N, C-alpha and C. Protein backbone atom coordinates (compact mmCIF):
# COMPACT_ATOMS: atom_id res chain seq x y z
N UNK A 1 73.62 -139.26 169.65
CA UNK A 1 74.13 -140.54 170.15
C UNK A 1 75.71 -140.81 169.21
N UNK A 2 77.02 -141.54 170.03
CA UNK A 2 78.19 -141.49 169.63
C UNK A 2 78.51 -142.71 168.57
N UNK A 3 79.14 -142.65 167.42
CA UNK A 3 79.07 -143.84 166.61
C UNK A 3 80.88 -144.33 166.62
N UNK A 4 81.28 -145.60 166.64
CA UNK A 4 82.36 -146.07 166.82
C UNK A 4 83.24 -145.49 165.17
N UNK A 5 84.19 -144.71 166.01
CA UNK A 5 85.06 -144.21 164.55
C UNK A 5 85.80 -145.09 163.72
N UNK A 6 85.64 -145.87 164.05
CA UNK A 6 86.46 -147.38 162.92
C UNK A 6 85.11 -147.75 162.20
N UNK A 7 84.04 -147.68 162.32
CA UNK A 7 82.90 -148.27 161.83
C UNK A 7 82.70 -147.39 160.70
N UNK A 8 82.01 -148.37 159.75
CA UNK A 8 81.44 -147.70 158.14
C UNK A 8 81.26 -146.61 158.34
N UNK A 9 81.26 -146.15 157.32
CA UNK A 9 80.80 -145.18 157.23
C UNK A 9 79.14 -144.96 156.55
N UNK A 10 77.94 -144.53 157.24
CA UNK A 10 76.49 -144.64 156.42
C UNK A 10 76.31 -143.04 155.72
N UNK A 11 76.13 -143.17 154.66
CA UNK A 11 76.00 -142.43 153.45
C UNK A 11 74.00 -142.78 153.55
N UNK A 12 73.54 -141.36 152.94
CA UNK A 12 72.15 -141.61 151.87
C UNK A 12 72.10 -140.20 151.27
N UNK A 13 71.71 -141.06 149.93
CA UNK A 13 71.12 -139.68 148.65
C UNK A 13 69.71 -140.03 148.24
N UNK A 14 69.61 -138.47 148.25
CA UNK A 14 68.40 -138.57 147.82
C UNK A 14 67.83 -136.66 147.11
N UNK A 15 67.03 -136.55 146.15
CA UNK A 15 66.21 -135.38 145.92
C UNK A 15 65.27 -134.85 146.68
N UNK A 16 65.45 -133.70 146.72
CA UNK A 16 64.14 -132.90 147.73
C UNK A 16 64.34 -131.38 147.20
N UNK A 17 62.72 -131.13 146.81
CA UNK A 17 62.53 -129.90 146.45
C UNK A 17 62.70 -129.05 147.17
N UNK A 18 62.53 -127.35 147.27
CA UNK A 18 62.79 -126.31 148.26
C UNK A 18 62.09 -126.12 149.32
N UNK A 19 61.15 -127.05 149.51
CA UNK A 19 59.93 -127.38 150.77
C UNK A 19 60.39 -128.57 151.46
N UNK A 20 61.34 -128.87 151.09
CA UNK A 20 61.85 -129.89 151.50
C UNK A 20 61.25 -131.80 151.28
N UNK A 21 60.86 -131.66 150.20
CA UNK A 21 59.71 -132.95 149.65
C UNK A 21 60.26 -133.91 148.95
N UNK A 22 59.90 -135.07 148.79
CA UNK A 22 60.80 -136.32 147.71
C UNK A 22 59.87 -136.99 147.26
N UNK A 23 58.59 -136.19 146.86
CA UNK A 23 57.56 -136.60 145.92
C UNK A 23 56.98 -135.36 146.19
N UNK A 24 56.00 -135.04 145.65
CA UNK A 24 54.72 -134.36 145.21
C UNK A 24 53.56 -134.72 145.98
N UNK A 25 52.28 -133.57 145.64
CA UNK A 25 50.69 -133.88 146.39
C UNK A 25 50.22 -135.35 145.51
N UNK A 26 51.04 -135.82 144.60
CA UNK A 26 50.44 -136.56 144.16
C UNK A 26 50.45 -138.01 144.69
N UNK A 27 50.79 -138.12 145.44
CA UNK A 27 51.70 -139.64 146.01
C UNK A 27 53.27 -139.65 145.58
N UNK A 28 53.56 -140.99 146.63
CA UNK A 28 54.63 -141.71 145.81
C UNK A 28 55.26 -140.99 144.32
N UNK A 29 54.21 -141.53 143.40
CA UNK A 29 54.99 -141.21 141.93
C UNK A 29 55.25 -140.20 141.35
N UNK A 30 54.74 -139.42 142.11
CA UNK A 30 54.84 -137.59 141.63
C UNK A 30 56.30 -137.16 142.13
N UNK A 31 56.84 -137.65 141.52
CA UNK A 31 58.08 -136.89 140.91
C UNK A 31 58.40 -135.59 140.01
N UNK A 32 57.33 -135.01 139.90
CA UNK A 32 57.67 -133.91 138.27
C UNK A 32 58.62 -132.80 139.07
N UNK A 33 58.46 -132.22 140.38
CA UNK A 33 59.69 -131.91 140.62
C UNK A 33 61.04 -131.41 141.17
N UNK A 34 61.34 -133.37 140.81
CA UNK A 34 62.61 -133.35 141.09
C UNK A 34 63.39 -133.99 139.78
N UNK A 35 62.23 -134.89 138.76
CA UNK A 35 62.81 -135.59 137.52
C UNK A 35 63.41 -134.94 136.71
N UNK A 36 63.14 -133.67 136.60
CA UNK A 36 63.71 -132.46 135.55
C UNK A 36 65.07 -132.47 135.61
N UNK A 37 65.61 -132.00 136.80
CA UNK A 37 66.85 -131.74 137.28
C UNK A 37 67.95 -133.16 137.17
N UNK A 38 67.23 -134.23 136.80
CA UNK A 38 68.28 -135.79 137.34
C UNK A 38 69.20 -135.43 136.72
N UNK A 39 68.99 -135.34 135.40
CA UNK A 39 69.90 -135.40 133.85
C UNK A 39 70.49 -134.20 133.96
N UNK A 40 70.93 -133.55 134.15
CA UNK A 40 71.88 -132.31 134.44
C UNK A 40 73.14 -132.69 134.47
N UNK A 41 74.11 -131.99 133.94
CA UNK A 41 75.74 -132.51 134.28
C UNK A 41 76.15 -132.15 135.92
N UNK A 42 75.10 -130.87 136.39
CA UNK A 42 75.29 -130.98 138.14
C UNK A 42 75.21 -132.52 138.99
N UNK A 43 73.75 -133.14 138.33
CA UNK A 43 73.15 -133.77 139.09
C UNK A 43 73.79 -135.57 138.62
N UNK A 44 74.24 -135.51 137.51
CA UNK A 44 75.23 -136.60 136.91
C UNK A 44 76.63 -136.56 137.41
N UNK A 45 76.88 -135.45 137.75
CA UNK A 45 78.34 -135.37 138.58
C UNK A 45 78.32 -135.84 139.89
N UNK A 46 77.17 -135.39 140.32
CA UNK A 46 76.89 -135.74 141.63
C UNK A 46 76.50 -137.14 141.94
N UNK A 47 75.88 -137.89 141.00
CA UNK A 47 75.54 -139.53 141.05
C UNK A 47 77.08 -140.61 141.08
N UNK A 48 78.17 -139.80 140.53
CA UNK A 48 79.45 -140.34 140.10
C UNK A 48 79.65 -140.69 141.46
N UNK A 49 79.54 -139.06 142.18
CA UNK A 49 80.40 -139.25 143.69
C UNK A 49 79.43 -140.06 144.45
N UNK A 50 78.24 -140.37 144.92
CA UNK A 50 78.15 -140.82 146.04
C UNK A 50 78.07 -142.13 145.82
N UNK A 51 78.60 -143.13 144.82
CA UNK A 51 78.89 -144.44 144.88
C UNK A 51 80.15 -144.75 145.21
N UNK A 52 80.92 -143.86 144.99
CA UNK A 52 82.47 -144.30 144.57
C UNK A 52 83.48 -144.53 145.98
N UNK A 53 82.80 -144.44 146.76
CA UNK A 53 83.43 -145.47 148.48
C UNK A 53 82.32 -145.93 149.07
N UNK A 54 81.12 -146.49 148.06
CA UNK A 54 80.63 -147.45 148.49
C UNK A 54 80.28 -148.83 148.17
N UNK A 55 80.03 -149.93 149.21
CA UNK A 55 80.56 -151.59 148.69
C UNK A 55 79.48 -151.82 149.01
N UNK A 56 78.46 -151.33 149.67
CA UNK A 56 77.04 -151.76 149.99
C UNK A 56 75.85 -150.84 149.71
N UNK A 57 74.75 -151.07 148.76
CA UNK A 57 73.59 -150.03 148.87
C UNK A 57 72.59 -151.22 149.56
N UNK A 58 71.85 -150.21 150.12
CA UNK A 58 70.73 -150.33 151.14
C UNK A 58 69.56 -149.40 150.46
N UNK A 59 68.51 -150.26 149.84
CA UNK A 59 67.14 -149.97 149.35
C UNK A 59 65.96 -150.30 150.08
N UNK A 60 64.76 -149.82 150.71
CA UNK A 60 63.91 -150.28 150.48
C UNK A 60 63.07 -150.97 149.30
N UNK A 61 61.90 -151.61 149.24
CA UNK A 61 61.50 -152.56 148.59
C UNK A 61 60.93 -152.05 147.22
N UNK A 62 60.51 -150.58 147.43
CA UNK A 62 59.62 -149.39 146.43
C UNK A 62 60.42 -149.23 145.44
N UNK A 63 62.20 -148.74 145.68
CA UNK A 63 63.26 -148.25 144.90
C UNK A 63 64.24 -149.63 144.61
N UNK A 64 63.96 -150.27 145.31
CA UNK A 64 64.51 -151.53 144.63
C UNK A 64 64.02 -152.16 143.45
N UNK A 65 62.46 -152.37 143.69
CA UNK A 65 62.01 -152.72 142.30
C UNK A 65 61.93 -151.78 141.26
N UNK A 66 61.75 -150.31 141.59
CA UNK A 66 61.58 -149.42 140.34
C UNK A 66 62.98 -149.46 139.85
N UNK A 67 64.02 -149.40 140.38
CA UNK A 67 65.47 -149.35 140.11
C UNK A 67 65.61 -150.94 139.30
N UNK A 68 64.84 -151.84 139.24
CA UNK A 68 65.54 -153.35 138.45
C UNK A 68 64.95 -152.75 137.56
N UNK A 69 63.53 -152.38 137.36
CA UNK A 69 63.07 -151.84 135.67
C UNK A 69 63.68 -150.95 134.96
N UNK A 70 65.01 -150.31 135.45
CA UNK A 70 65.61 -149.22 134.76
C UNK A 70 67.09 -149.25 134.82
N UNK A 71 67.94 -149.07 135.73
CA UNK A 71 69.08 -149.07 135.39
C UNK A 71 69.81 -150.49 135.05
N UNK A 72 69.42 -151.32 135.00
CA UNK A 72 70.05 -152.64 134.52
C UNK A 72 69.96 -152.87 133.04
N UNK A 73 69.20 -152.04 132.65
CA UNK A 73 69.04 -151.90 130.53
C UNK A 73 70.34 -150.37 130.74
N UNK A 74 70.17 -149.68 131.49
CA UNK A 74 70.86 -148.80 131.28
C UNK A 74 72.33 -148.94 131.40
N UNK A 75 73.06 -150.02 132.07
CA UNK A 75 74.34 -150.68 132.29
C UNK A 75 74.32 -151.15 130.63
N UNK A 76 73.69 -151.40 130.61
CA UNK A 76 73.99 -152.00 128.79
C UNK A 76 73.48 -151.25 127.80
N UNK A 77 73.69 -149.99 128.07
CA UNK A 77 73.19 -149.47 126.78
C UNK A 77 74.36 -148.04 126.34
N UNK A 78 75.30 -148.55 125.41
CA UNK A 78 76.34 -148.04 124.67
C UNK A 78 76.18 -146.75 124.60
N UNK A 79 74.56 -145.97 124.73
CA UNK A 79 74.67 -144.76 123.92
C UNK A 79 74.12 -143.95 125.29
N UNK A 80 74.17 -144.55 126.67
CA UNK A 80 73.67 -143.66 127.83
C UNK A 80 74.97 -143.10 128.20
N UNK A 81 74.80 -142.36 129.22
CA UNK A 81 75.93 -141.05 129.49
C UNK A 81 76.63 -141.72 130.31
N UNK A 82 78.08 -141.47 129.65
CA UNK A 82 78.89 -142.89 130.42
C UNK A 82 79.11 -142.85 132.24
N UNK A 83 78.53 -141.46 132.74
CA UNK A 83 78.35 -141.26 134.68
C UNK A 83 77.28 -142.13 134.40
N UNK A 84 76.06 -141.99 133.85
CA UNK A 84 75.05 -143.31 134.31
C UNK A 84 75.08 -144.35 134.37
N UNK A 85 75.39 -144.77 132.92
CA UNK A 85 76.52 -146.24 132.85
C UNK A 85 77.39 -147.28 133.84
N UNK A 86 77.96 -145.77 134.47
CA UNK A 86 79.55 -146.64 135.39
C UNK A 86 78.12 -146.54 136.95
N UNK A 87 77.48 -145.80 137.13
CA UNK A 87 76.83 -146.17 138.21
C UNK A 87 75.67 -146.85 138.32
N UNK A 88 75.31 -147.75 136.67
CA UNK A 88 74.44 -148.66 136.54
C UNK A 88 74.84 -150.34 136.56
N UNK A 89 76.09 -149.71 136.54
CA UNK A 89 77.15 -151.06 136.50
C UNK A 89 77.56 -151.21 138.17
N UNK A 90 77.68 -150.15 138.70
CA UNK A 90 78.01 -150.47 139.98
C UNK A 90 76.69 -151.40 140.89
N UNK A 91 75.34 -150.69 140.77
CA UNK A 91 74.12 -150.63 141.70
C UNK A 91 73.90 -152.37 141.34
N UNK A 92 74.32 -152.71 139.59
CA UNK A 92 73.93 -154.05 139.34
C UNK A 92 74.82 -155.41 140.18
N UNK A 93 76.30 -154.72 140.25
CA UNK A 93 77.25 -155.92 141.00
C UNK A 93 77.42 -154.99 142.09
N UNK A 94 77.24 -154.23 142.43
CA UNK A 94 77.50 -154.16 144.40
C UNK A 94 76.29 -155.09 145.04
N UNK A 95 76.72 -155.84 146.72
CA UNK A 95 76.13 -156.58 147.20
C UNK A 95 75.27 -155.61 147.75
N UNK A 96 73.98 -155.95 147.63
CA UNK A 96 72.60 -154.67 148.29
C UNK A 96 71.94 -155.61 148.82
N UNK A 97 70.96 -154.91 150.21
CA UNK A 97 69.89 -155.05 151.35
C UNK A 97 69.10 -154.72 151.13
N UNK A 98 68.04 -155.13 150.66
CA UNK A 98 67.05 -154.57 150.27
C UNK A 98 65.70 -154.80 151.72
N UNK A 99 65.19 -154.06 152.29
CA UNK A 99 64.91 -153.87 153.31
C UNK A 99 63.00 -154.52 153.20
N UNK A 100 62.11 -155.29 153.23
CA UNK A 100 60.60 -155.21 152.83
C UNK A 100 60.48 -156.82 153.82
N UNK A 101 59.05 -156.58 154.36
CA UNK A 101 58.43 -157.62 154.94
C UNK A 101 57.37 -158.16 153.85
N UNK A 102 57.22 -158.14 152.86
CA UNK A 102 56.47 -158.49 151.89
C UNK A 102 57.38 -158.88 150.56
N UNK A 103 58.41 -158.83 150.40
CA UNK A 103 58.98 -159.12 149.22
C UNK A 103 59.85 -160.93 150.07
N UNK A 104 59.36 -161.90 149.22
CA UNK A 104 59.50 -163.37 149.25
C UNK A 104 60.97 -164.21 148.61
N UNK A 105 60.88 -163.31 147.37
CA UNK A 105 62.53 -163.61 146.68
C UNK A 105 63.08 -162.39 146.21
N UNK A 106 64.37 -162.47 146.13
CA UNK A 106 64.57 -161.63 145.88
C UNK A 106 64.80 -160.71 144.56
N UNK A 107 65.05 -159.45 144.43
CA UNK A 107 64.40 -158.73 143.44
C UNK A 107 65.77 -158.75 141.97
N UNK A 108 66.67 -158.93 142.72
CA UNK A 108 68.56 -158.18 141.79
C UNK A 108 69.05 -159.98 142.41
N UNK A 109 70.04 -160.12 141.36
CA UNK A 109 71.08 -160.76 141.94
C UNK A 109 72.44 -160.10 143.30
N UNK A 110 73.05 -160.54 143.88
CA UNK A 110 73.80 -160.00 144.84
C UNK A 110 73.50 -159.17 145.37
N UNK A 111 72.26 -159.98 145.98
CA UNK A 111 70.72 -159.15 146.79
C UNK A 111 70.41 -160.00 148.12
N UNK A 112 70.40 -159.52 149.16
CA UNK A 112 70.04 -159.92 149.85
C UNK A 112 68.65 -159.37 150.93
N UNK A 113 67.57 -159.75 151.06
CA UNK A 113 65.71 -159.48 151.55
C UNK A 113 66.20 -159.52 153.20
N UNK A 114 65.95 -158.32 153.73
CA UNK A 114 65.97 -158.27 154.98
C UNK A 114 64.65 -157.75 155.58
N UNK A 115 63.99 -158.24 156.54
CA UNK A 115 62.83 -158.01 157.46
C UNK A 115 63.00 -157.57 158.99
N UNK A 116 63.59 -156.52 158.91
CA UNK A 116 63.85 -156.04 159.99
C UNK A 116 64.07 -154.49 160.47
N UNK A 117 63.76 -153.57 161.45
CA UNK A 117 64.23 -152.06 161.61
C UNK A 117 65.09 -151.64 160.77
N UNK A 118 65.12 -150.88 160.39
CA UNK A 118 66.38 -150.04 159.84
C UNK A 118 67.74 -149.90 160.21
N UNK A 119 67.42 -149.47 161.62
CA UNK A 119 68.63 -148.80 162.17
C UNK A 119 69.38 -150.48 162.92
N UNK A 120 68.21 -150.86 163.16
CA UNK A 120 68.97 -152.67 163.57
C UNK A 120 69.85 -153.26 162.20
N UNK A 121 69.36 -152.83 161.23
CA UNK A 121 69.67 -153.95 160.26
C UNK A 121 71.34 -152.75 159.77
N UNK A 122 71.35 -151.41 159.86
CA UNK A 122 72.52 -150.90 159.36
C UNK A 122 73.50 -151.06 160.82
N UNK A 123 73.50 -151.34 162.49
CA UNK A 123 74.24 -151.64 163.03
C UNK A 123 74.71 -153.12 162.68
N UNK A 124 74.21 -154.00 162.24
CA UNK A 124 74.06 -155.10 161.64
C UNK A 124 75.32 -155.02 161.05
N UNK A 125 75.04 -154.25 159.83
CA UNK A 125 76.16 -154.36 158.46
C UNK A 125 77.48 -153.87 159.17
N UNK A 126 77.18 -152.97 159.77
CA UNK A 126 78.51 -152.39 160.44
C UNK A 126 79.52 -153.08 161.80
N UNK A 127 78.70 -154.37 161.97
CA UNK A 127 79.07 -154.91 163.34
C UNK A 127 79.76 -155.81 162.14
N UNK A 128 78.87 -156.37 161.12
CA UNK A 128 79.49 -157.90 160.43
C UNK A 128 80.34 -157.44 159.31
N UNK A 129 80.24 -156.25 158.61
CA UNK A 129 81.02 -156.26 157.75
C UNK A 129 82.14 -154.84 157.67
N UNK A 130 82.04 -154.25 159.16
CA UNK A 130 82.32 -153.03 158.91
C UNK A 130 84.23 -153.45 159.75
N UNK A 131 84.38 -154.04 160.26
CA UNK A 131 85.45 -154.66 161.37
C UNK A 131 86.72 -154.13 160.87
N UNK A 132 86.71 -153.64 159.19
CA UNK A 132 88.32 -153.80 158.49
C UNK A 132 88.04 -151.80 158.33
N UNK A 133 86.67 -151.08 158.80
CA UNK A 133 87.16 -149.58 159.06
C UNK A 133 86.79 -149.21 157.39
N UNK A 134 87.61 -148.68 156.93
CA UNK A 134 87.07 -147.38 155.70
C UNK A 134 87.43 -148.30 155.07
N UNK A 135 88.42 -149.37 154.95
CA UNK A 135 88.89 -150.31 153.78
C UNK A 135 87.61 -150.81 153.23
N UNK A 136 86.46 -151.18 154.32
CA UNK A 136 85.33 -151.63 153.93
C UNK A 136 84.48 -151.09 153.69
N UNK A 137 84.73 -150.17 152.54
CA UNK A 137 83.55 -148.74 152.02
C UNK A 137 82.29 -148.71 153.15
N UNK A 138 81.64 -147.47 152.01
CA UNK A 138 80.38 -146.33 152.65
C UNK A 138 79.20 -148.15 152.88
N UNK A 139 78.34 -147.98 153.44
CA UNK A 139 76.90 -148.46 153.21
C UNK A 139 76.25 -147.07 152.76
N UNK A 140 75.54 -147.26 151.77
CA UNK A 140 74.98 -145.88 150.77
C UNK A 140 73.03 -146.83 151.13
N UNK A 141 72.65 -146.03 151.60
CA UNK A 141 71.40 -145.77 151.52
C UNK A 141 70.93 -145.35 150.03
N UNK A 142 70.26 -145.68 149.20
CA UNK A 142 70.14 -145.41 148.35
C UNK A 142 68.47 -144.63 147.74
N UNK A 143 68.84 -143.33 147.69
CA UNK A 143 67.22 -143.14 147.34
C UNK A 143 66.02 -143.58 147.95
N UNK A 144 66.17 -144.31 149.34
CA UNK A 144 65.14 -144.63 149.73
C UNK A 144 64.61 -144.01 150.74
N UNK A 145 63.66 -143.21 151.15
CA UNK A 145 63.44 -142.60 152.57
C UNK A 145 62.60 -142.93 153.77
N UNK A 146 62.05 -144.64 152.95
CA UNK A 146 61.22 -145.20 154.32
C UNK A 146 62.67 -145.89 155.28
N UNK A 147 63.90 -145.51 154.53
CA UNK A 147 64.98 -146.11 155.17
C UNK A 147 65.85 -145.20 155.75
N UNK A 148 65.75 -144.19 154.82
CA UNK A 148 66.53 -143.01 155.62
C UNK A 148 66.39 -142.34 156.42
N UNK A 149 64.61 -142.03 156.25
CA UNK A 149 64.09 -141.32 157.94
C UNK A 149 64.48 -141.70 159.26
N UNK A 150 64.22 -143.25 159.12
CA UNK A 150 64.55 -143.98 160.57
C UNK A 150 65.57 -143.77 161.06
N UNK A 151 66.64 -143.93 160.12
CA UNK A 151 68.16 -143.71 160.12
C UNK A 151 68.36 -142.07 160.91
N UNK A 152 67.96 -141.21 160.01
CA UNK A 152 68.14 -140.17 160.51
C UNK A 152 67.18 -140.05 162.05
N UNK A 153 66.72 -140.46 162.14
CA UNK A 153 65.79 -140.68 164.03
C UNK A 153 66.21 -141.17 164.70
N UNK A 154 67.58 -142.10 164.66
CA UNK A 154 68.59 -143.11 165.61
C UNK A 154 70.03 -142.24 164.88
N UNK A 155 70.25 -141.20 164.20
CA UNK A 155 71.11 -140.41 164.45
C UNK A 155 72.36 -141.70 164.18
N UNK A 156 71.57 -142.29 163.05
CA UNK A 156 73.12 -143.23 162.65
C UNK A 156 73.60 -142.56 160.67
N UNK A 157 72.94 -141.71 160.40
CA UNK A 157 73.42 -141.16 158.99
C UNK A 157 74.98 -140.30 159.08
N UNK A 158 75.66 -140.46 158.59
CA UNK A 158 77.28 -140.22 158.59
C UNK A 158 77.19 -138.61 157.58
N UNK A 159 76.86 -139.18 156.20
CA UNK A 159 76.82 -138.46 155.22
C UNK A 159 75.48 -137.85 154.49
N UNK A 160 74.95 -136.60 154.15
CA UNK A 160 73.63 -137.13 153.83
C UNK A 160 74.11 -136.12 152.32
N UNK A 161 74.18 -136.87 150.87
CA UNK A 161 74.09 -136.14 149.38
C UNK A 161 72.67 -135.90 149.29
N UNK A 162 72.36 -134.93 148.60
CA UNK A 162 71.37 -133.90 148.54
C UNK A 162 71.38 -133.02 147.14
N UNK A 163 70.33 -133.47 146.43
CA UNK A 163 70.47 -132.84 145.20
C UNK A 163 68.81 -131.79 145.27
N UNK A 164 68.94 -130.88 145.82
CA UNK A 164 67.86 -129.12 145.84
C UNK A 164 67.42 -129.19 144.15
N UNK A 165 66.29 -129.01 143.98
CA UNK A 165 65.20 -128.96 143.03
C UNK A 165 64.93 -127.58 143.00
N UNK A 166 64.59 -126.48 142.39
CA UNK A 166 64.56 -125.06 142.80
C UNK A 166 62.72 -124.98 142.07
N UNK A 167 62.16 -126.03 143.17
CA UNK A 167 61.07 -126.11 143.16
C UNK A 167 60.32 -125.96 144.41
N UNK A 168 58.83 -125.46 143.97
CA UNK A 168 58.60 -125.67 145.56
C UNK A 168 57.22 -126.88 145.69
N UNK A 169 57.36 -127.63 146.10
CA UNK A 169 55.88 -129.31 145.81
C UNK A 169 54.61 -128.86 146.46
N UNK A 170 54.70 -127.77 147.10
CA UNK A 170 53.63 -127.43 148.35
C UNK A 170 52.25 -128.96 148.78
N UNK A 171 52.82 -129.80 148.10
CA UNK A 171 52.50 -131.00 149.21
C UNK A 171 53.26 -132.11 148.89
N UNK A 172 52.84 -133.50 149.32
CA UNK A 172 53.72 -134.38 149.07
C UNK A 172 54.59 -134.75 150.69
N UNK A 173 55.50 -135.95 150.72
CA UNK A 173 56.33 -136.39 151.62
C UNK A 173 57.44 -135.60 151.70
N UNK A 174 57.74 -135.33 152.92
CA UNK A 174 58.85 -134.67 153.42
C UNK A 174 59.84 -135.66 154.19
N UNK A 175 61.00 -134.75 153.74
CA UNK A 175 62.19 -136.42 154.56
C UNK A 175 62.19 -135.13 155.89
N UNK A 176 62.49 -134.66 156.53
CA UNK A 176 62.81 -134.15 157.82
C UNK A 176 61.58 -133.99 158.45
N UNK A 177 61.39 -134.78 159.55
CA UNK A 177 59.94 -134.27 160.29
C UNK A 177 60.52 -134.15 161.38
N UNK A 178 58.86 -132.43 161.79
CA UNK A 178 59.09 -132.89 163.47
C UNK A 178 59.33 -133.95 164.41
N UNK A 179 60.37 -133.99 165.38
CA UNK A 179 60.64 -135.12 166.32
C UNK A 179 61.85 -135.41 166.24
N UNK A 180 62.90 -135.15 164.70
CA UNK A 180 63.81 -135.67 164.30
C UNK A 180 65.12 -135.16 165.97
N UNK A 181 65.97 -135.83 166.37
CA UNK A 181 67.07 -134.95 167.58
C UNK A 181 67.72 -134.16 166.33
N UNK A 182 68.16 -133.39 167.51
CA UNK A 182 68.66 -131.92 167.16
C UNK A 182 70.61 -132.58 166.53
N UNK A 183 70.68 -132.22 165.63
CA UNK A 183 72.34 -132.66 164.87
C UNK A 183 72.38 -131.06 164.09
N UNK A 184 73.95 -131.28 163.94
CA UNK A 184 74.95 -130.22 163.44
C UNK A 184 75.72 -130.66 162.05
N UNK A 185 75.38 -130.37 161.02
CA UNK A 185 76.22 -131.09 159.56
C UNK A 185 76.89 -129.96 159.13
N UNK A 186 77.95 -129.99 158.72
CA UNK A 186 79.04 -129.34 157.52
C UNK A 186 78.90 -129.63 156.39
N UNK A 187 79.41 -128.53 155.59
CA UNK A 187 79.44 -128.79 153.75
C UNK A 187 80.60 -129.39 153.49
N UNK A 188 80.56 -130.64 153.13
CA UNK A 188 81.94 -130.70 152.26
C UNK A 188 81.90 -130.73 151.12
N UNK A 189 81.37 -130.23 149.95
CA UNK A 189 80.61 -129.85 148.64
C UNK A 189 79.58 -129.63 148.13
N UNK A 190 79.94 -128.15 147.33
CA UNK A 190 78.40 -128.03 147.09
C UNK A 190 78.83 -127.22 145.46
N UNK A 191 77.55 -127.39 144.99
CA UNK A 191 77.78 -127.28 143.35
C UNK A 191 76.39 -127.08 142.92
N UNK A 192 76.31 -125.36 142.09
CA UNK A 192 75.00 -125.40 142.00
C UNK A 192 75.20 -125.51 140.34
N UNK A 193 74.00 -125.97 139.43
CA UNK A 193 73.50 -126.41 138.03
C UNK A 193 73.29 -124.80 137.31
N UNK A 194 73.16 -124.96 136.23
CA UNK A 194 72.78 -124.28 135.40
C UNK A 194 70.96 -123.68 135.39
N UNK A 195 70.37 -124.72 135.93
CA UNK A 195 69.04 -124.57 136.18
C UNK A 195 68.52 -124.30 137.37
N UNK A 196 69.40 -124.12 138.74
CA UNK A 196 69.28 -123.73 140.05
C UNK A 196 69.23 -124.77 140.52
N UNK A 197 69.64 -126.21 140.41
CA UNK A 197 69.78 -126.96 141.32
C UNK A 197 70.83 -127.30 141.91
N UNK A 198 70.64 -127.79 143.21
CA UNK A 198 72.14 -127.45 143.88
C UNK A 198 72.93 -128.84 144.25
N UNK A 199 73.57 -129.83 144.36
CA UNK A 199 74.50 -130.54 144.64
C UNK A 199 74.88 -130.73 146.20
N UNK A 200 74.76 -130.60 146.93
CA UNK A 200 75.23 -130.58 148.39
C UNK A 200 75.89 -131.82 148.80
N UNK A 201 76.93 -131.99 149.31
CA UNK A 201 77.00 -132.95 150.26
C UNK A 201 77.33 -132.66 152.07
N UNK A 202 76.53 -133.32 152.75
CA UNK A 202 76.94 -132.56 154.54
C UNK A 202 77.36 -133.94 155.14
N UNK A 203 78.16 -133.44 155.66
CA UNK A 203 78.91 -134.52 156.84
C UNK A 203 78.05 -134.19 158.01
N UNK A 204 78.04 -135.01 158.95
CA UNK A 204 77.43 -135.15 160.44
C UNK A 204 78.53 -134.77 161.37
N UNK A 205 78.51 -133.58 162.31
CA UNK A 205 79.50 -133.16 163.33
C UNK A 205 79.08 -133.96 164.39
N UNK A 206 79.80 -134.87 164.51
CA UNK A 206 79.80 -135.15 166.04
C UNK A 206 80.98 -135.23 167.41
């Protein structure tokens, strides 16, 4: 599909193993193959880039609740890495949209709950908030595969921020499933860390 060149850019970030999984065979909470690389210099620099142009964060329910238990404390922690604190403060203060079929009360301040398909939510955000083009800021789908996957299926992602971790999980959920529409991407940035992790930014070629 083609997108309006004046519309806001839709970006997404996530960590993946070499076999393309965002969680291990133990289920959604099995992040052992990824979390060991999340605090490297490369990963933290990558974290600083994902939000620098974003003015709306979109999350699934699981990530919204999990982030709420962690990031606000980082924002108040003077001993935390400055890159972590900057991201945490941004996440607390930014306008957030949480996709959920079950939540009845917002888990965060500055948060709107939406019970609707991800593609429709993103198209609505572009239509209602995106009239200003680039000045309106990016829409960041923040490490939420339940949202990223249907957006990939609808070809609505313009930029992917990936942290590739040098482990094979051997089981678990994959981000890129069979049946996605064909698409072409180009590298905007790439960096390799000391542990072999790779932060890579891909832009959709349309």
